[in-house]
Protein backbone atom coordinates (compact mmCIF):
# COMPACT_ATOMS: atom_id res chain seq x y z
CA UNK A 1 -40.07 8.93 78.35
CA UNK A 2 -40.88 5.28 77.64
CA UNK A 3 -43.79 6.24 75.55
CA UNK A 4 -41.66 8.74 73.54
CA UNK A 5 -39.08 6.11 72.98
CA UNK A 6 -41.64 3.66 71.77
CA UNK A 7 -43.17 6.19 69.37
CA UNK A 8 -39.80 6.97 67.99
CA UNK A 9 -39.04 3.25 67.31
CA UNK A 10 -42.48 2.95 65.62
CA UNK A 11 -41.70 5.97 63.40
CA UNK A 12 -38.35 4.35 62.40
CA UNK A 13 -39.99 1.14 61.51
CA UNK A 14 -42.55 2.94 59.43
CA UNK A 15 -39.81 4.91 57.66
CA UNK A 16 -37.80 1.68 56.93
CA UNK A 17 -40.75 -0.07 55.49
CA UNK A 18 -41.05 1.96 52.20
CA UNK A 19 -37.42 1.64 51.54
CA UNK A 20 -37.57 -2.20 52.10
CA UNK A 21 -40.56 -2.38 49.63
CA UNK A 22 -38.50 -0.33 47.12
CA UNK A 23 -35.53 -2.69 47.41
CA UNK A 24 -37.78 -5.63 46.96
CA UNK A 25 -39.39 -4.08 43.82
CA UNK A 26 -35.83 -3.27 42.53
CA UNK A 27 -34.76 -6.91 43.06
CA UNK A 28 -37.85 -8.23 41.39
CA UNK A 29 -37.18 -5.98 38.36
CA UNK A 30 -33.59 -7.24 38.20
CA UNK A 31 -34.75 -10.76 38.36
CA UNK A 32 -37.31 -10.22 35.60
CA UNK A 33 -34.72 -8.50 33.51
CA UNK A 34 -32.28 -11.39 34.03
CA UNK A 35 -35.00 -13.92 32.94
CA UNK A 36 -35.69 -11.88 29.71
CA UNK A 37 -31.91 -11.84 28.99
CA UNK A 38 -31.71 -15.56 29.64
CA UNK A 39 -34.66 -16.15 27.21
CA UNK A 40 -33.00 -14.00 24.48
CA UNK A 41 -29.66 -15.85 24.97
CA UNK A 42 -31.40 -19.23 24.89
CA UNK A 43 -33.06 -18.30 21.59
CA UNK A 44 -29.79 -17.10 20.15
CA UNK A 45 -28.12 -20.32 21.24
CA UNK A 46 -30.88 -22.29 19.61
CA UNK A 47 -30.40 -20.39 16.33
CA UNK A 48 -26.55 -21.03 16.54
CA UNK A 49 -27.22 -24.76 17.01
CA UNK A 50 -29.58 -24.81 14.02
CA UNK A 51 -26.95 -22.89 11.92
CA UNK A 52 -24.32 -25.51 12.81
CA UNK A 53 -26.64 -28.27 11.85
CA UNK A 54 -27.42 -26.67 8.42
CA UNK A 55 -24.46 -24.37 7.55
CA UNK A 56 -25.43 -24.43 3.78
CA UNK A 57 -28.40 -22.16 4.59
CA UNK A 58 -26.26 -19.42 6.20
CA UNK A 59 -25.51 -16.10 4.30
CA UNK A 60 -21.83 -16.84 4.64
CA UNK A 61 -22.21 -20.21 2.82
CA UNK A 62 -24.40 -18.62 0.18
CA UNK A 63 -21.88 -15.81 -0.37
CA UNK A 64 -19.01 -18.33 -1.06
CA UNK A 65 -20.56 -21.23 -2.87
CA UNK A 66 -23.26 -21.67 -5.49
CA UNK A 67 -26.60 -22.46 -4.06
CA UNK A 68 -28.73 -25.07 -5.91
CA UNK A 69 -31.95 -23.80 -7.26
CA UNK A 70 -35.21 -25.64 -6.93
CA UNK A 71 -35.80 -28.23 -9.77
CA UNK A 72 -38.22 -26.15 -11.89
CA UNK A 73 -38.02 -24.66 -15.41
CA UNK A 74 -37.56 -21.23 -14.09
CA UNK A 75 -34.79 -22.23 -11.68
CA UNK A 76 -32.99 -24.14 -14.40
CA UNK A 77 -33.14 -21.10 -16.62
CA UNK A 78 -31.75 -19.00 -13.77
CA UNK A 79 -28.95 -21.44 -13.35
CA UNK A 80 -27.92 -20.99 -16.99
CA UNK A 81 -28.34 -17.24 -17.25
CA UNK A 82 -26.54 -16.50 -13.97
CA UNK A 83 -23.60 -18.80 -14.80
CA UNK A 84 -20.69 -17.03 -16.56
CA UNK A 85 -19.60 -20.16 -18.32
CA UNK A 86 -23.02 -21.05 -19.75
CA UNK A 87 -23.94 -17.52 -20.65
CA UNK A 88 -21.00 -15.15 -21.21
CA UNK A 89 -22.97 -12.01 -21.55
CA UNK A 90 -25.62 -11.39 -18.88
CA UNK A 91 -29.24 -11.64 -19.96
CA UNK A 92 -29.91 -8.20 -18.55
CA UNK A 93 -28.10 -5.40 -16.78
CA UNK A 94 -28.91 -2.44 -14.70
CA UNK A 95 -28.53 0.59 -17.02
CA UNK A 96 -27.47 2.94 -14.17
CA UNK A 97 -24.86 0.42 -12.83
CA UNK A 98 -22.75 0.57 -16.03
CA UNK A 99 -22.70 4.30 -16.27
CA UNK A 100 -19.04 5.43 -16.52
CA UNK A 101 -19.76 8.22 -13.99
CA UNK A 102 -20.72 5.52 -11.46
CA UNK A 103 -18.25 2.77 -12.09
CA UNK A 104 -15.32 4.88 -13.29
CA UNK A 105 -14.31 1.77 -15.35
CA UNK A 106 -11.63 1.03 -12.90
CA UNK A 107 -12.27 -2.75 -12.85
CA UNK A 108 -11.98 -3.02 -16.61
CA UNK A 109 -8.94 -0.76 -16.71
CA UNK A 110 -7.21 -2.80 -14.06
CA UNK A 111 -7.79 -6.00 -16.00
CA UNK A 112 -6.57 -4.43 -19.29
CA UNK A 113 -3.40 -3.25 -17.47
CA UNK A 114 -2.82 -6.77 -16.17
CA UNK A 115 -2.97 -8.09 -19.75
CA UNK A 116 -0.43 -5.45 -20.89
CA UNK A 117 1.79 -6.42 -17.98
CA UNK A 118 1.54 -10.09 -18.83
CA UNK A 119 2.38 -9.55 -22.52
CA UNK A 120 5.30 -7.20 -21.94
CA UNK A 121 6.54 -9.20 -19.06
CA UNK A 122 6.67 -12.31 -21.23
CA UNK A 123 8.62 -10.34 -23.95
CA UNK A 124 10.96 -9.03 -21.21
CA UNK A 125 11.81 -12.54 -20.07
CA UNK A 126 13.53 -13.29 -23.38
CA UNK A 127 16.18 -10.70 -22.48
CA UNK A 128 16.69 -11.26 -18.83
CA UNK A 129 18.73 -13.57 -16.57
CA UNK A 130 17.95 -13.60 -12.81
CA UNK A 131 21.60 -13.83 -11.71
CA UNK A 132 23.74 -11.36 -9.84
CA UNK A 133 25.76 -9.08 -12.10
CA UNK A 134 24.05 -10.31 -15.27
CA UNK A 135 20.61 -8.94 -14.42
CA UNK A 136 21.74 -5.30 -14.60
CA UNK A 137 23.76 -5.84 -17.77
CA UNK A 138 20.50 -7.25 -19.29
CA UNK A 139 18.67 -4.13 -18.33
CA UNK A 140 21.32 -1.89 -20.00
CA UNK A 141 21.41 -4.11 -23.07
CA UNK A 142 17.57 -3.97 -23.33
CA UNK A 143 17.43 -0.11 -22.97
CA UNK A 144 20.21 0.63 -25.47
CA UNK A 145 20.66 -2.23 -28.00
CA UNK A 146 17.36 -4.10 -28.33
CA UNK A 147 14.92 -2.52 -30.88
CA UNK A 148 12.04 -0.88 -29.03
CA UNK A 149 13.52 -2.25 -25.82
CA UNK A 150 13.32 1.06 -23.97
CA UNK A 151 9.59 1.27 -25.05
CA UNK A 152 8.98 -2.29 -24.04
CA UNK A 153 10.49 -1.74 -20.55
CA UNK A 154 8.71 1.60 -19.96
CA UNK A 155 5.42 0.10 -21.02
CA UNK A 156 5.73 -2.60 -18.42
CA UNK A 157 7.00 -0.20 -15.76
CA UNK A 158 4.29 2.43 -16.22
CA UNK A 159 1.52 -0.13 -16.59
CA UNK A 160 2.55 -1.58 -13.17
CA UNK A 161 2.31 1.85 -11.49
CA UNK A 162 -1.05 2.60 -13.17
CA UNK A 163 -2.34 -0.86 -12.09
CA UNK A 164 -1.68 -0.13 -8.47
CA UNK A 165 -3.53 3.23 -8.86
CA UNK A 166 -6.42 1.62 -10.68
CA UNK A 167 -6.90 -1.18 -8.14
CA UNK A 168 -6.98 1.35 -5.31
CA UNK A 169 -9.51 3.51 -7.13
CA UNK A 170 -11.64 0.51 -7.98
CA UNK A 171 -11.77 -0.55 -4.34
CA UNK A 172 -12.45 3.05 -3.32
CA UNK A 173 -15.36 3.29 -5.69
CA UNK A 174 -16.73 -0.06 -4.44
CA UNK A 175 -16.51 1.22 -0.82
CA UNK A 176 -18.23 4.57 -1.59
CA UNK A 177 -21.17 2.85 -3.44
CA UNK A 178 -21.59 0.13 -0.83
CA UNK A 179 -20.96 -2.60 -3.28
CA UNK A 180 -19.12 -4.67 -0.59
CA UNK A 181 -22.37 -5.37 1.30
CA UNK A 182 -24.65 -8.36 1.15
CA UNK A 183 -24.55 -10.49 -0.98
CA UNK A 184 -21.12 -9.33 -2.19
CA UNK A 185 -19.10 -9.86 1.04
CA UNK A 186 -17.05 -12.83 -0.28
CA UNK A 187 -16.16 -10.92 -3.51
CA UNK A 188 -15.06 -7.94 -1.56
CA UNK A 189 -12.59 -10.18 0.42
CA UNK A 190 -11.35 -11.63 -2.99
CA UNK A 191 -10.77 -8.03 -4.14
CA UNK A 192 -8.70 -7.27 -0.94
CA UNK A 193 -6.50 -10.29 -1.64
CA UNK A 194 -6.12 -9.12 -5.29
CA UNK A 195 -5.03 -5.71 -3.99
CA UNK A 196 -2.40 -7.26 -1.76
CA UNK A 197 -1.13 -9.47 -4.75
CA UNK A 198 -0.90 -6.40 -6.89
CA UNK A 199 1.25 -4.56 -4.32
CA UNK A 200 3.38 -7.75 -4.01
CA UNK A 201 3.83 -7.84 -7.82
CA UNK A 202 5.01 -4.28 -7.78
CA UNK A 203 7.29 -4.89 -4.87
CA UNK A 204 9.01 -8.01 -6.26
CA UNK A 205 9.45 -6.30 -9.57
CA UNK A 206 11.45 -3.62 -7.89
CA UNK A 207 14.46 -5.98 -7.24
CA UNK A 208 14.64 -7.45 -10.77
CA UNK A 209 16.82 -4.65 -12.39
CA UNK A 210 19.33 -5.24 -9.61
CA UNK A 211 20.05 -1.54 -9.31
CA UNK A 212 20.46 0.69 -6.22
CA UNK A 213 16.75 1.66 -6.28
CA UNK A 214 15.67 -1.97 -6.19
CA UNK A 215 18.30 -2.92 -3.57
CA UNK A 216 17.32 -0.31 -1.05
CA UNK A 217 13.61 -0.69 -1.70
CA UNK A 218 13.80 -4.43 -0.88
CA UNK A 219 16.14 -3.80 2.04
CA UNK A 220 13.60 -1.41 3.57
CA UNK A 221 10.59 -3.69 2.78
CA UNK A 222 12.21 -6.84 4.23
CA UNK A 223 13.27 -4.98 7.38
CA UNK A 224 9.56 -3.91 7.77
CA UNK A 225 8.74 -7.68 7.53
CA UNK A 226 11.33 -8.38 10.14
CA UNK A 227 9.45 -5.99 12.52
CA UNK A 228 6.06 -7.49 12.05
CA UNK A 229 4.32 -9.35 15.11
CA UNK A 230 4.78 -12.96 15.50
CA UNK A 231 6.46 -13.41 12.01
CA UNK A 232 9.53 -11.21 12.40
CA UNK A 233 12.42 -11.68 14.69
CA UNK A 234 12.45 -8.05 15.51
CA UNK A 235 8.72 -7.74 16.07
CA UNK A 236 6.48 -8.35 19.12
CA UNK A 237 6.50 -11.89 20.36
CA UNK A 238 9.29 -12.82 18.00
CA UNK A 239 11.84 -13.39 20.74
CA UNK A 240 9.32 -15.40 22.80
CA UNK A 241 8.69 -17.68 19.77
CA UNK A 242 12.34 -18.30 19.27
CA UNK A 243 12.61 -16.36 16.05
CA UNK A 244 16.01 -15.23 14.81
CA UNK A 245 17.31 -13.42 11.63
CA UNK A 246 17.89 -16.92 10.19
CA UNK A 247 14.33 -18.42 10.47
CA UNK A 248 11.88 -15.51 10.37
CA UNK A 249 9.76 -14.14 7.54
CA UNK A 250 12.54 -11.86 6.29
CA UNK A 251 14.84 -14.89 5.85
CA UNK A 252 12.10 -16.67 3.96
CA UNK A 253 11.65 -13.74 1.56
CA UNK A 254 15.27 -13.13 0.88
CA UNK A 255 16.55 -16.75 0.94
CA UNK A 256 19.25 -15.61 3.31
CA UNK A 257 20.17 -12.82 5.79
CA UNK A 258 21.10 -10.22 3.12
CA UNK A 259 19.74 -8.97 -0.24
CA UNK A 260 21.89 -11.20 -2.51
CA UNK A 261 21.58 -13.66 -5.41
CA UNK A 262 18.98 -15.84 -3.55
CA UNK A 263 16.86 -12.77 -2.94
CA UNK A 264 16.98 -11.99 -6.66
CA UNK A 265 16.09 -15.44 -7.74
CA UNK A 266 13.16 -15.69 -5.34
CA UNK A 267 11.77 -12.29 -6.39
CA UNK A 268 11.94 -13.38 -10.01
CA UNK A 269 10.00 -16.64 -9.34
CA UNK A 270 7.47 -14.85 -7.29
CA UNK A 271 7.16 -12.03 -9.82
CA UNK A 272 6.97 -14.10 -13.02
CA UNK A 273 5.38 -17.28 -11.87
CA UNK A 274 3.66 -17.69 -8.58
CA UNK A 275 1.85 -14.40 -7.91
CA UNK A 276 0.58 -14.04 -11.55
CA UNK A 277 -0.91 -17.51 -11.48
CA UNK A 278 -2.54 -16.98 -8.11
CA UNK A 279 -3.89 -13.57 -9.30
CA UNK A 280 -5.22 -15.04 -12.57
CA UNK A 281 -7.21 -17.68 -10.66
CA UNK A 282 -8.62 -15.16 -8.23
CA UNK A 283 -9.46 -12.68 -11.05
CA UNK A 284 -11.48 -15.47 -12.82
CA UNK A 285 -13.26 -16.13 -9.50
CA UNK A 286 -13.82 -12.35 -8.97
CA UNK A 287 -15.45 -11.96 -12.42
CA UNK A 288 -17.63 -15.04 -11.84
CA UNK A 289 -18.76 -13.77 -8.38
CA UNK A 290 -19.83 -10.46 -10.05
CA UNK A 291 -22.17 -12.33 -12.22
CA UNK A 292 -23.31 -14.72 -9.45
CA UNK A 293 -24.15 -11.82 -7.15
CA UNK A 294 -26.41 -10.15 -9.64
CA UNK A 295 -24.04 -8.10 -11.70
CA UNK A 296 -22.44 -4.72 -10.87
CA UNK A 297 -24.27 -3.27 -8.03
CA UNK A 298 -25.83 0.14 -8.87
CA UNK A 299 -28.09 2.84 -7.54
CA UNK A 300 -31.90 2.66 -7.68
CA UNK A 301 -33.20 2.40 -11.27
CA UNK A 302 -33.80 5.84 -12.88
CA UNK A 303 -36.39 6.14 -15.69
CA UNK A 304 -35.67 8.19 -18.74
CA UNK A 305 -37.85 11.04 -19.57
CA UNK A 306 -39.16 9.23 -22.61
CA UNK A 307 -40.19 6.21 -20.47
CA UNK A 308 -42.28 8.32 -18.06
CA UNK A 309 -45.98 7.97 -19.05
CA UNK A 310 -48.27 10.96 -18.70
CA UNK A 311 -50.76 10.91 -15.84
CA UNK A 312 -54.34 10.20 -16.84
CA UNK A 313 -56.86 13.01 -16.03
CA UNK A 314 -59.85 11.85 -14.15
């Protein structure tokens, strides 16, 4: 019986030995994997430190600011030819990138509509007073008594609607063709800001006629602002931050707690002065960045049939 018991214990110890070896191998593999991960993290940390030491060499910096070329004749020529102020028309363009079927022409159409809106808006300012009661009378006077006044107002109104559509289609085309990718990331962000400004221009113009359509549109829009997180009193975290209906973003937009004379005056200033100036500056930056980033991005160059040389027979 004693021999049988000792034999059983020996068998158990021999059975436990492979499992112990397997556990040791598994631990060794985990340790080795942890060491490899530590090496990778260490290399990444070293790269991050180098990036912080020389931020001007990062892709983000190159995407936002002009990068100085080397001091050579070719680099100086590139500096001139790629600068929109020194060389208004590009030295060369990708033939396929300017095809109407590829670009849809939405960028140029948007800028043209902005010019139409600027011209008609300046003319409309001669007949408009941003005061309660007088604003609606001015619109009626413009529509019925001013020569070509109805045409002038409708040009401004429909150009505004078309500009919103054109901006959206322009960004849709840019997204579909991948034109937002490197090195055009910064210009894509500028375009997104311009889209928001276009929507704000359309929204602030709604209130200026001081009619029921504008009143309820601004009421709904500012109530949506009241429900935004952190900024609005009715939104998430608004109560925790001490926001009320008299100090949140809705109050700032309206200049009060209701849609009244202060809201009309603020909408007029934003619509006719502040937003157009900001949008004009960003448009100039947007056009300059198109040139700086290598022109309109296009598909791979396609050769015309007349340009294809016949193969030589050996």
